Amino acid sequence: MTTPHTVYLLDTNIFVQAHRRHYAFEICPGFWDCLIHHHQAGQIVSIDRVRDEILAGDALETWVKASAPSTLFASTADANVTQNYAKMVRWVQANSQFKAEAKTEFAQVADGWLCAYAKANVQHVVVNHDIAAIKQRGLCRMSVCFSEIRPAGVGRKQSAVNVGSRPIAAGRGYI
């Protein structure tokens, strides 16, 4: 009997910060090859809404269109995902701990969809945000996602590239 492997769901900032900081295409092309390798091994995935956020007319967009497998960005059109998303948005809207602008942002950006996809399909969402800043701004995803980890946490659990230096950060909430 084989043990199912862990699949990590990548947030927009994993791609954007890697591209803009330490892993620019011309400096570290191996990082991008590694993402493709781990996707093809069934270890990482992202979603179509993340793809939409990173199409900004720069080298990252070129990589997404020319090099990234189309399967790297899974569809959020699945019925389980859309049902999860609707439930999460209702929960966020009804929860008074979140600021109005945070509620709006949750519904408009990929974050809510990442959480909904994670609930339906994967165990962990990989982010590279400043967790203290997220909490200070009163953003919702930390309370909705059941398990968010930093890229360094992925490297500790998998033989994946380490794209961050901070420890695992997990949020507990709706899921």
N, C-alpha and C. Protein backbone atom coordinates (compact mmCIF):
# COMPACT_ATOMS: atom_id res chain seq x y z
N MET A 1 0.84 -1.18 0.00
CA MET A 1 0.00 0.00 0.00
C MET A 1 0.89 1.24 0.00
N THR A 2 0.59 2.18 -0.88
CA THR A 2 1.39 3.41 -0.95
C THR A 2 0.75 4.49 -0.10
N THR A 3 1.60 5.29 0.50
CA THR A 3 1.13 6.42 1.31
C THR A 3 0.94 7.61 0.39
N PRO A 4 -0.22 8.28 0.45
CA PRO A 4 -0.40 9.47 -0.40
C PRO A 4 0.59 10.56 0.02
N HIS A 5 1.14 11.24 -0.96
CA HIS A 5 2.10 12.31 -0.66
C HIS A 5 1.36 13.63 -0.45
N THR A 6 2.05 14.52 0.21
CA THR A 6 1.50 15.83 0.49
C THR A 6 1.59 16.69 -0.75
N VAL A 7 0.53 17.42 -1.03
CA VAL A 7 0.51 18.37 -2.14
C VAL A 7 0.43 19.77 -1.54
N TYR A 8 1.27 20.66 -2.04
CA TYR A 8 1.32 22.03 -1.56
C TYR A 8 0.72 22.96 -2.61
N LEU A 9 -0.13 23.87 -2.17
CA LEU A 9 -0.81 24.83 -3.02
C LEU A 9 -0.08 26.16 -2.92
N LEU A 10 0.42 26.68 -4.03
CA LEU A 10 1.24 27.89 -4.03
C LEU A 10 0.41 29.15 -4.22
N ASP A 11 0.65 30.12 -3.35
CA ASP A 11 0.01 31.42 -3.40
C ASP A 11 0.73 32.31 -4.42
N THR A 12 0.08 33.36 -4.83
CA THR A 12 0.63 34.32 -5.80
C THR A 12 2.01 34.82 -5.38
N ASN A 13 2.15 35.16 -4.12
CA ASN A 13 3.39 35.78 -3.68
C ASN A 13 4.60 34.86 -3.77
N ILE A 14 4.40 33.56 -3.80
CA ILE A 14 5.52 32.63 -3.99
C ILE A 14 6.16 32.91 -5.35
N PHE A 15 5.36 33.07 -6.38
CA PHE A 15 5.86 33.34 -7.72
C PHE A 15 6.42 34.76 -7.83
N VAL A 16 5.65 35.73 -7.37
CA VAL A 16 6.01 37.14 -7.54
C VAL A 16 7.27 37.48 -6.75
N GLN A 17 7.32 37.09 -5.49
CA GLN A 17 8.50 37.42 -4.69
C GLN A 17 9.74 36.68 -5.18
N ALA A 18 9.59 35.45 -5.60
CA ALA A 18 10.74 34.72 -6.15
C ALA A 18 11.27 35.45 -7.38
N HIS A 19 10.37 35.85 -8.26
CA HIS A 19 10.75 36.54 -9.49
C HIS A 19 11.41 37.89 -9.22
N ARG A 20 10.87 38.63 -8.26
CA ARG A 20 11.37 39.98 -7.99
C ARG A 20 12.57 40.03 -7.05
N ARG A 21 12.80 38.97 -6.31
CA ARG A 21 13.87 39.00 -5.31
C ARG A 21 14.99 38.03 -5.67
N HIS A 22 15.08 36.96 -4.93
CA HIS A 22 16.25 36.09 -4.98
C HIS A 22 16.32 35.14 -6.17
N TYR A 23 15.21 34.87 -6.83
CA TYR A 23 15.19 33.83 -7.85
C TYR A 23 14.78 34.36 -9.22
N ALA A 24 15.26 35.53 -9.57
CA ALA A 24 14.99 36.08 -10.91
C ALA A 24 15.44 35.06 -11.95
N PHE A 25 14.78 35.04 -13.07
CA PHE A 25 15.05 34.04 -14.11
C PHE A 25 16.51 34.03 -14.55
N GLU A 26 17.10 35.21 -14.68
CA GLU A 26 18.48 35.28 -15.15
C GLU A 26 19.49 34.92 -14.06
N ILE A 27 19.08 34.96 -12.79
CA ILE A 27 19.99 34.65 -11.67
C ILE A 27 19.88 33.19 -11.27
N CYS A 28 18.67 32.67 -11.21
CA CYS A 28 18.45 31.32 -10.70
C CYS A 28 17.41 30.57 -11.51
N PRO A 29 17.72 30.24 -12.75
CA PRO A 29 16.74 29.51 -13.58
C PRO A 29 16.39 28.14 -13.00
N GLY A 30 17.30 27.58 -12.19
CA GLY A 30 17.04 26.27 -11.59
C GLY A 30 15.85 26.27 -10.66
N PHE A 31 15.57 27.40 -10.01
CA PHE A 31 14.41 27.49 -9.14
C PHE A 31 13.14 27.22 -9.94
N TRP A 32 13.05 27.82 -11.10
CA TRP A 32 11.85 27.69 -11.92
C TRP A 32 11.74 26.29 -12.51
N ASP A 33 12.88 25.70 -12.87
CA ASP A 33 12.89 24.30 -13.31
C ASP A 33 12.43 23.39 -12.17
N CYS A 34 12.85 23.72 -10.94
CA CYS A 34 12.48 22.94 -9.77
C CYS A 34 10.97 23.01 -9.52
N LEU A 35 10.38 24.18 -9.70
CA LEU A 35 8.92 24.29 -9.56
C LEU A 35 8.22 23.36 -10.53
N ILE A 36 8.67 23.37 -11.78
CA ILE A 36 8.06 22.50 -12.79
C ILE A 36 8.27 21.03 -12.41
N HIS A 37 9.48 20.70 -11.99
CA HIS A 37 9.77 19.31 -11.59
C HIS A 37 8.83 18.85 -10.47
N HIS A 38 8.70 19.65 -9.42
CA HIS A 38 7.86 19.26 -8.30
C HIS A 38 6.38 19.25 -8.66
N HIS A 39 5.98 20.09 -9.60
CA HIS A 39 4.60 20.03 -10.08
C HIS A 39 4.38 18.71 -10.83
N GLN A 40 5.30 18.39 -11.71
CA GLN A 40 5.17 17.15 -12.49
C GLN A 40 5.23 15.91 -11.60
N ALA A 41 5.88 16.03 -10.44
CA ALA A 41 5.92 14.93 -9.47
C ALA A 41 4.67 14.90 -8.60
N GLY A 42 3.75 15.83 -8.84
CA GLY A 42 2.50 15.86 -8.09
C GLY A 42 2.61 16.46 -6.70
N GLN A 43 3.66 17.25 -6.46
CA GLN A 43 3.90 17.79 -5.12
C GLN A 43 3.43 19.24 -4.96
N ILE A 44 3.35 19.99 -6.05
CA ILE A 44 2.89 21.38 -5.96
C ILE A 44 1.90 21.68 -7.07
N VAL A 45 1.03 22.62 -6.77
CA VAL A 45 0.03 23.10 -7.71
C VAL A 45 -0.34 24.51 -7.30
N SER A 46 -0.94 25.24 -8.17
CA SER A 46 -1.53 26.52 -7.86
C SER A 46 -2.90 26.55 -8.52
N ILE A 47 -3.51 27.71 -8.58
CA ILE A 47 -4.86 27.78 -9.17
C ILE A 47 -4.92 28.84 -10.25
N ASP A 48 -5.96 28.76 -11.05
CA ASP A 48 -6.16 29.70 -12.15
C ASP A 48 -6.23 31.15 -11.69
N ARG A 49 -6.78 31.39 -10.51
CA ARG A 49 -6.90 32.76 -10.00
C ARG A 49 -5.53 33.34 -9.65
N VAL A 50 -4.61 32.51 -9.21
CA VAL A 50 -3.23 32.95 -8.98
C VAL A 50 -2.59 33.29 -10.32
N ARG A 51 -2.81 32.44 -11.31
CA ARG A 51 -2.28 32.70 -12.65
C ARG A 51 -2.75 34.07 -13.13
N ASP A 52 -4.02 34.36 -12.96
CA ASP A 52 -4.56 35.64 -13.39
C ASP A 52 -3.87 36.80 -12.68
N GLU A 53 -3.56 36.64 -11.39
CA GLU A 53 -2.92 37.71 -10.63
C GLU A 53 -1.48 37.95 -11.07
N ILE A 54 -0.80 36.92 -11.54
CA ILE A 54 0.61 37.11 -11.89
C ILE A 54 0.84 37.47 -13.35
N LEU A 55 -0.20 37.56 -14.13
CA LEU A 55 -0.05 37.98 -15.52
C LEU A 55 0.03 39.51 -15.56
N ALA A 56 1.25 40.03 -15.39
CA ALA A 56 1.46 41.47 -15.23
C ALA A 56 2.30 42.08 -16.35
N GLY A 57 2.53 41.35 -17.41
CA GLY A 57 3.26 41.91 -18.54
C GLY A 57 4.76 41.97 -18.34
N ASP A 58 5.31 41.11 -17.48
CA ASP A 58 6.76 41.11 -17.27
C ASP A 58 7.30 39.71 -17.54
N ALA A 59 8.54 39.45 -17.10
CA ALA A 59 9.17 38.16 -17.36
C ALA A 59 8.42 37.01 -16.70
N LEU A 60 7.75 37.26 -15.57
CA LEU A 60 6.97 36.22 -14.92
C LEU A 60 5.80 35.78 -15.80
N GLU A 61 5.14 36.73 -16.42
CA GLU A 61 4.06 36.38 -17.35
C GLU A 61 4.60 35.56 -18.51
N THR A 62 5.75 35.95 -19.03
CA THR A 62 6.36 35.20 -20.13
C THR A 62 6.63 33.76 -19.70
N TRP A 63 7.17 33.56 -18.48
CA TRP A 63 7.44 32.22 -17.99
C TRP A 63 6.15 31.41 -17.87
N VAL A 64 5.11 32.03 -17.30
CA VAL A 64 3.83 31.33 -17.13
C VAL A 64 3.29 30.88 -18.48
N LYS A 65 3.35 31.77 -19.46
CA LYS A 65 2.78 31.45 -20.78
C LYS A 65 3.66 30.50 -21.59
N ALA A 66 4.98 30.61 -21.45
CA ALA A 66 5.88 29.84 -22.31
C ALA A 66 6.44 28.57 -21.66
N SER A 67 6.61 28.56 -20.34
CA SER A 67 7.32 27.45 -19.71
C SER A 67 6.52 26.65 -18.69
N ALA A 68 5.67 27.31 -17.96
CA ALA A 68 4.92 26.61 -16.91
C ALA A 68 3.88 25.69 -17.54
N PRO A 69 3.79 24.45 -17.06
CA PRO A 69 2.75 23.56 -17.58
C PRO A 69 1.37 24.14 -17.27
N SER A 70 0.45 24.02 -18.19
CA SER A 70 -0.89 24.56 -17.95
C SER A 70 -1.54 23.91 -16.74
N THR A 71 -1.15 22.69 -16.44
CA THR A 71 -1.71 21.98 -15.28
C THR A 71 -1.21 22.52 -13.95
N LEU A 72 -0.18 23.36 -13.97
CA LEU A 72 0.31 23.97 -12.73
C LEU A 72 -0.78 24.83 -12.09
N PHE A 73 -1.64 25.41 -12.92
CA PHE A 73 -2.69 26.30 -12.43
C PHE A 73 -4.05 25.61 -12.61
N ALA A 74 -4.48 24.92 -11.57
CA ALA A 74 -5.72 24.14 -11.60
C ALA A 74 -6.95 25.05 -11.64
N SER A 75 -7.99 24.54 -12.22
CA SER A 75 -9.25 25.28 -12.32
C SER A 75 -9.97 25.33 -10.97
N THR A 76 -10.56 26.47 -10.70
CA THR A 76 -11.39 26.61 -9.50
C THR A 76 -12.87 26.45 -9.83
N ALA A 77 -13.17 25.99 -11.04
CA ALA A 77 -14.56 25.86 -11.47
C ALA A 77 -15.24 24.59 -10.93
N ASP A 78 -14.51 23.74 -10.25
CA ASP A 78 -15.04 22.51 -9.67
C ASP A 78 -16.16 22.84 -8.67
N ALA A 79 -17.20 22.03 -8.66
CA ALA A 79 -18.35 22.29 -7.78
C ALA A 79 -17.96 22.32 -6.30
N ASN A 80 -17.08 21.41 -5.87
CA ASN A 80 -16.66 21.42 -4.46
C ASN A 80 -15.93 22.71 -4.11
N VAL A 81 -15.09 23.19 -5.02
CA VAL A 81 -14.34 24.42 -4.78
C VAL A 81 -15.29 25.61 -4.69
N THR A 82 -16.22 25.71 -5.64
CA THR A 82 -17.12 26.87 -5.63
C THR A 82 -18.05 26.83 -4.41
N GLN A 83 -18.48 25.64 -3.98
CA GLN A 83 -19.30 25.54 -2.78
C GLN A 83 -18.50 25.96 -1.54
N ASN A 84 -17.26 25.50 -1.45
CA ASN A 84 -16.40 25.89 -0.33
C ASN A 84 -16.20 27.40 -0.32
N TYR A 85 -15.96 27.96 -1.50
CA TYR A 85 -15.73 29.41 -1.60
C TYR A 85 -16.95 30.18 -1.10
N ALA A 86 -18.12 29.78 -1.56
CA ALA A 86 -19.36 30.47 -1.14
C ALA A 86 -19.55 30.38 0.38
N LYS A 87 -19.30 29.22 0.96
CA LYS A 87 -19.43 29.07 2.42
C LYS A 87 -18.42 29.95 3.15
N MET A 88 -17.20 29.98 2.65
CA MET A 88 -16.15 30.78 3.30
C MET A 88 -16.46 32.27 3.23
N VAL A 89 -16.91 32.73 2.09
CA VAL A 89 -17.24 34.15 1.96
C VAL A 89 -18.38 34.51 2.90
N ARG A 90 -19.38 33.66 2.99
CA ARG A 90 -20.48 33.92 3.94
C ARG A 90 -19.96 33.96 5.37
N TRP A 91 -19.07 33.03 5.73
CA TRP A 91 -18.51 32.99 7.08
C TRP A 91 -17.70 34.26 7.36
N VAL A 92 -16.87 34.66 6.39
CA VAL A 92 -16.05 35.87 6.56
C VAL A 92 -16.96 37.10 6.71
N GLN A 93 -17.96 37.21 5.86
CA GLN A 93 -18.86 38.36 5.91
C GLN A 93 -19.62 38.43 7.25
N ALA A 94 -19.95 37.29 7.82
CA ALA A 94 -20.70 37.26 9.07
C ALA A 94 -19.81 37.44 10.31
N ASN A 95 -18.50 37.36 10.14
CA ASN A 95 -17.58 37.40 11.27
C ASN A 95 -17.15 38.83 11.55
N SER A 96 -17.49 39.33 12.72
CA SER A 96 -17.22 40.72 13.06
C SER A 96 -15.75 41.02 13.39
N GLN A 97 -14.92 40.00 13.52
CA GLN A 97 -13.51 40.25 13.83
C GLN A 97 -12.75 40.83 12.65
N PHE A 98 -13.29 40.72 11.44
CA PHE A 98 -12.60 41.20 10.25
C PHE A 98 -13.06 42.59 9.86
N LYS A 99 -12.13 43.41 9.44
CA LYS A 99 -12.43 44.76 8.96
C LYS A 99 -13.17 44.65 7.62
N ALA A 100 -13.99 45.65 7.34
CA ALA A 100 -14.78 45.65 6.10
C ALA A 100 -13.89 45.55 4.87
N GLU A 101 -12.76 46.30 4.88
CA GLU A 101 -11.87 46.25 3.72
C GLU A 101 -11.21 44.88 3.56
N ALA A 102 -10.98 44.18 4.67
CA ALA A 102 -10.42 42.84 4.61
C ALA A 102 -11.44 41.86 4.03
N LYS A 103 -12.68 42.03 4.39
CA LYS A 103 -13.75 41.18 3.85
C LYS A 103 -13.86 41.36 2.34
N THR A 104 -13.80 42.60 1.89
CA THR A 104 -13.87 42.89 0.45
C THR A 104 -12.68 42.29 -0.28
N GLU A 105 -11.49 42.49 0.29
CA GLU A 105 -10.28 41.95 -0.34
C GLU A 105 -10.34 40.43 -0.44
N PHE A 106 -10.79 39.77 0.62
CA PHE A 106 -10.88 38.31 0.63
C PHE A 106 -11.75 37.81 -0.53
N ALA A 107 -12.83 38.52 -0.79
CA ALA A 107 -13.75 38.11 -1.85
C ALA A 107 -13.25 38.45 -3.25
N GLN A 108 -12.30 39.38 -3.36
CA GLN A 108 -11.88 39.84 -4.68
C GLN A 108 -10.57 39.25 -5.19
N VAL A 109 -9.70 38.83 -4.30
CA VAL A 109 -8.39 38.32 -4.74
C VAL A 109 -8.37 36.80 -4.67
N ALA A 110 -7.26 36.21 -5.03
CA ALA A 110 -7.16 34.75 -5.10
C ALA A 110 -7.22 34.06 -3.74
N ASP A 111 -7.01 34.79 -2.65
CA ASP A 111 -6.91 34.17 -1.32
C ASP A 111 -8.10 33.27 -0.97
N GLY A 112 -9.29 33.76 -1.14
CA GLY A 112 -10.47 32.95 -0.81
C GLY A 112 -10.55 31.70 -1.66
N TRP A 113 -10.19 31.83 -2.92
CA TRP A 113 -10.21 30.69 -3.82
C TRP A 113 -9.12 29.68 -3.46
N LEU A 114 -7.97 30.17 -3.01
CA LEU A 114 -6.91 29.26 -2.55
C LEU A 114 -7.42 28.42 -1.38
N CYS A 115 -8.07 29.06 -0.44
CA CYS A 115 -8.59 28.34 0.72
C CYS A 115 -9.66 27.33 0.30
N ALA A 116 -10.54 27.73 -0.60
CA ALA A 116 -11.59 26.83 -1.07
C ALA A 116 -11.01 25.63 -1.82
N TYR A 117 -10.02 25.89 -2.66
CA TYR A 117 -9.35 24.80 -3.39
C TYR A 117 -8.62 23.89 -2.41
N ALA A 118 -7.96 24.48 -1.43
CA ALA A 118 -7.24 23.68 -0.43
C ALA A 118 -8.19 22.76 0.33
N LYS A 119 -9.32 23.29 0.73
CA LYS A 119 -10.28 22.47 1.47
C LYS A 119 -10.73 21.28 0.63
N ALA A 120 -10.91 21.48 -0.66
CA ALA A 120 -11.39 20.42 -1.54
C ALA A 120 -10.30 19.45 -2.01
N ASN A 121 -9.05 19.93 -2.07
CA ASN A 121 -8.06 19.14 -2.79
C ASN A 121 -6.70 18.90 -2.14
N VAL A 122 -6.22 19.78 -1.30
CA VAL A 122 -4.85 19.66 -0.79
C VAL A 122 -4.80 19.92 0.71
N GLN A 123 -3.62 19.75 1.28
CA GLN A 123 -3.47 19.91 2.72
C GLN A 123 -2.90 21.24 3.14
N HIS A 124 -2.04 21.85 2.34
CA HIS A 124 -1.30 23.02 2.77
C HIS A 124 -1.30 24.11 1.70
N VAL A 125 -1.41 25.36 2.15
CA VAL A 125 -1.24 26.52 1.28
C VAL A 125 0.10 27.13 1.63
N VAL A 126 0.96 27.31 0.62
CA VAL A 126 2.29 27.88 0.85
C VAL A 126 2.25 29.37 0.53
N VAL A 127 2.61 30.18 1.52
CA VAL A 127 2.60 31.63 1.39
C VAL A 127 3.97 32.18 1.74
N ASN A 128 4.19 33.42 1.40
CA ASN A 128 5.44 34.08 1.75
C ASN A 128 5.15 35.49 2.23
N HIS A 129 4.01 35.65 2.92
CA HIS A 129 3.60 36.94 3.45
C HIS A 129 4.27 37.21 4.79
N ASP A 130 4.27 38.44 5.19
CA ASP A 130 4.68 38.83 6.53
C ASP A 130 3.46 38.59 7.42
N ILE A 131 3.51 37.52 8.20
CA ILE A 131 2.36 37.09 9.00
C ILE A 131 1.91 38.18 9.98
N ALA A 132 2.86 38.88 10.60
CA ALA A 132 2.50 39.94 11.54
C ALA A 132 1.72 41.05 10.84
N ALA A 133 2.13 41.40 9.62
CA ALA A 133 1.42 42.44 8.86
C ALA A 133 0.01 41.99 8.49
N ILE A 134 -0.13 40.72 8.15
CA ILE A 134 -1.45 40.19 7.80
C ILE A 134 -2.38 40.32 9.01
N LYS A 135 -1.90 39.89 10.16
CA LYS A 135 -2.74 39.95 11.36
C LYS A 135 -3.08 41.39 11.73
N GLN A 136 -2.11 42.29 11.58
CA GLN A 136 -2.33 43.70 11.92
C GLN A 136 -3.38 44.31 11.01
N ARG A 137 -3.36 43.94 9.73
CA ARG A 137 -4.33 44.49 8.78
C ARG A 137 -5.69 43.82 8.93
N GLY A 138 -5.79 42.76 9.72
CA GLY A 138 -7.07 42.11 9.95
C GLY A 138 -7.53 41.29 8.77
N LEU A 139 -6.60 40.75 8.00
CA LEU A 139 -6.99 39.97 6.83
C LEU A 139 -7.54 38.61 7.23
N CYS A 140 -8.34 38.07 6.36
CA CYS A 140 -9.15 36.91 6.69
C CYS A 140 -8.49 35.57 6.46
N ARG A 141 -7.61 35.45 5.49
CA ARG A 141 -7.15 34.13 5.08
C ARG A 141 -6.53 33.33 6.23
N MET A 142 -5.80 33.99 7.11
CA MET A 142 -5.18 33.28 8.22
C MET A 142 -6.22 32.58 9.09
N SER A 143 -7.43 33.12 9.14
CA SER A 143 -8.48 32.53 9.96
C SER A 143 -9.28 31.48 9.21
N VAL A 144 -9.18 31.49 7.90
CA VAL A 144 -9.97 30.58 7.09
C VAL A 144 -9.19 29.33 6.70
N CYS A 145 -7.94 29.49 6.33
CA CYS A 145 -7.14 28.35 5.89
C CYS A 145 -6.73 27.50 7.08
N PHE A 146 -6.81 26.20 6.87
CA PHE A 146 -6.49 25.29 7.96
C PHE A 146 -5.00 25.08 8.13
N SER A 147 -4.22 25.25 7.11
CA SER A 147 -2.78 25.04 7.25
C SER A 147 -2.04 25.85 6.21
N GLU A 148 -1.41 26.91 6.66
CA GLU A 148 -0.55 27.70 5.79
C GLU A 148 0.87 27.50 6.27
N ILE A 149 1.78 27.28 5.35
CA ILE A 149 3.17 27.16 5.74
C ILE A 149 4.02 28.08 4.89
N ARG A 150 5.16 28.43 5.42
CA ARG A 150 6.12 29.24 4.70
C ARG A 150 6.94 28.33 3.81
N PRO A 151 7.55 28.87 2.76
CA PRO A 151 8.36 28.04 1.87
C PRO A 151 9.43 27.23 2.60
N ALA A 152 10.01 27.78 3.65
CA ALA A 152 11.02 27.03 4.41
C ALA A 152 10.41 25.78 5.01
N GLY A 153 9.14 25.84 5.39
CA GLY A 153 8.46 24.68 5.94
C GLY A 153 8.30 23.58 4.91
N VAL A 154 8.07 23.96 3.66
CA VAL A 154 7.98 22.97 2.59
C VAL A 154 9.33 22.29 2.44
N GLY A 155 10.40 23.07 2.46
CA GLY A 155 11.74 22.51 2.32
C GLY A 155 12.07 21.53 3.43
N ARG A 156 11.52 21.75 4.60
CA ARG A 156 11.78 20.84 5.71
C ARG A 156 11.00 19.54 5.56
N LYS A 157 9.85 19.62 4.90
CA LYS A 157 9.01 18.44 4.76
C LYS A 157 9.27 17.70 3.45
N GLN A 158 9.72 18.38 2.44
CA GLN A 158 9.94 17.81 1.12
C GLN A 158 11.36 18.17 0.69
N SER A 159 11.85 17.53 -0.32
CA SER A 159 13.15 17.91 -0.85
C SER A 159 12.94 19.00 -1.90
N ALA A 160 12.20 20.01 -1.52
CA ALA A 160 11.88 21.12 -2.43
C ALA A 160 12.84 22.27 -2.18
N VAL A 161 12.88 23.18 -3.11
CA VAL A 161 13.72 24.36 -2.97
C VAL A 161 13.24 25.22 -1.82
N ASN A 162 14.14 25.76 -1.04
CA ASN A 162 13.80 26.64 0.07
C ASN A 162 13.78 28.07 -0.44
N VAL A 163 12.60 28.67 -0.52
CA VAL A 163 12.51 30.03 -1.04
C VAL A 163 12.23 31.04 0.06
N GLY A 164 12.40 30.66 1.28
CA GLY A 164 12.19 31.59 2.38
C GLY A 164 13.03 31.21 3.57
N SER A 165 13.05 32.07 4.56
CA SER A 165 13.90 31.80 5.70
C SER A 165 13.13 31.80 7.02
N ARG A 166 11.84 32.00 6.97
CA ARG A 166 11.07 32.05 8.21
C ARG A 166 10.45 30.68 8.49
N PRO A 167 10.12 30.40 9.73
CA PRO A 167 9.57 29.10 10.09
C PRO A 167 8.13 28.93 9.65
N ILE A 168 7.63 27.74 9.85
CA ILE A 168 6.24 27.42 9.53
C ILE A 168 5.30 28.35 10.30
N ALA A 169 4.27 28.81 9.61
CA ALA A 169 3.24 29.63 10.24
C ALA A 169 1.90 29.00 9.88
N ALA A 170 1.10 28.66 10.84
CA ALA A 170 -0.17 28.00 10.57
C ALA A 170 -1.31 28.82 11.12
N GLY A 171 -2.43 28.80 10.41
CA GLY A 171 -3.63 29.47 10.87
C GLY A 171 -4.73 28.45 11.04
N ARG A 172 -5.60 28.65 11.96
CA ARG A 172 -6.73 27.76 12.17
C ARG A 172 -8.01 28.58 12.12
N GLY A 173 -9.04 28.03 11.55
CA GLY A 173 -10.28 28.78 11.49
C GLY A 173 -11.40 27.97 10.89
N TYR A 174 -11.96 28.47 9.83
CA TYR A 174 -13.16 27.91 9.22
C TYR A 174 -13.00 26.45 8.83
N ILE A 175 -11.92 26.14 8.15
CA ILE A 175 -11.76 24.79 7.56
C ILE A 175 -11.51 23.76 8.64
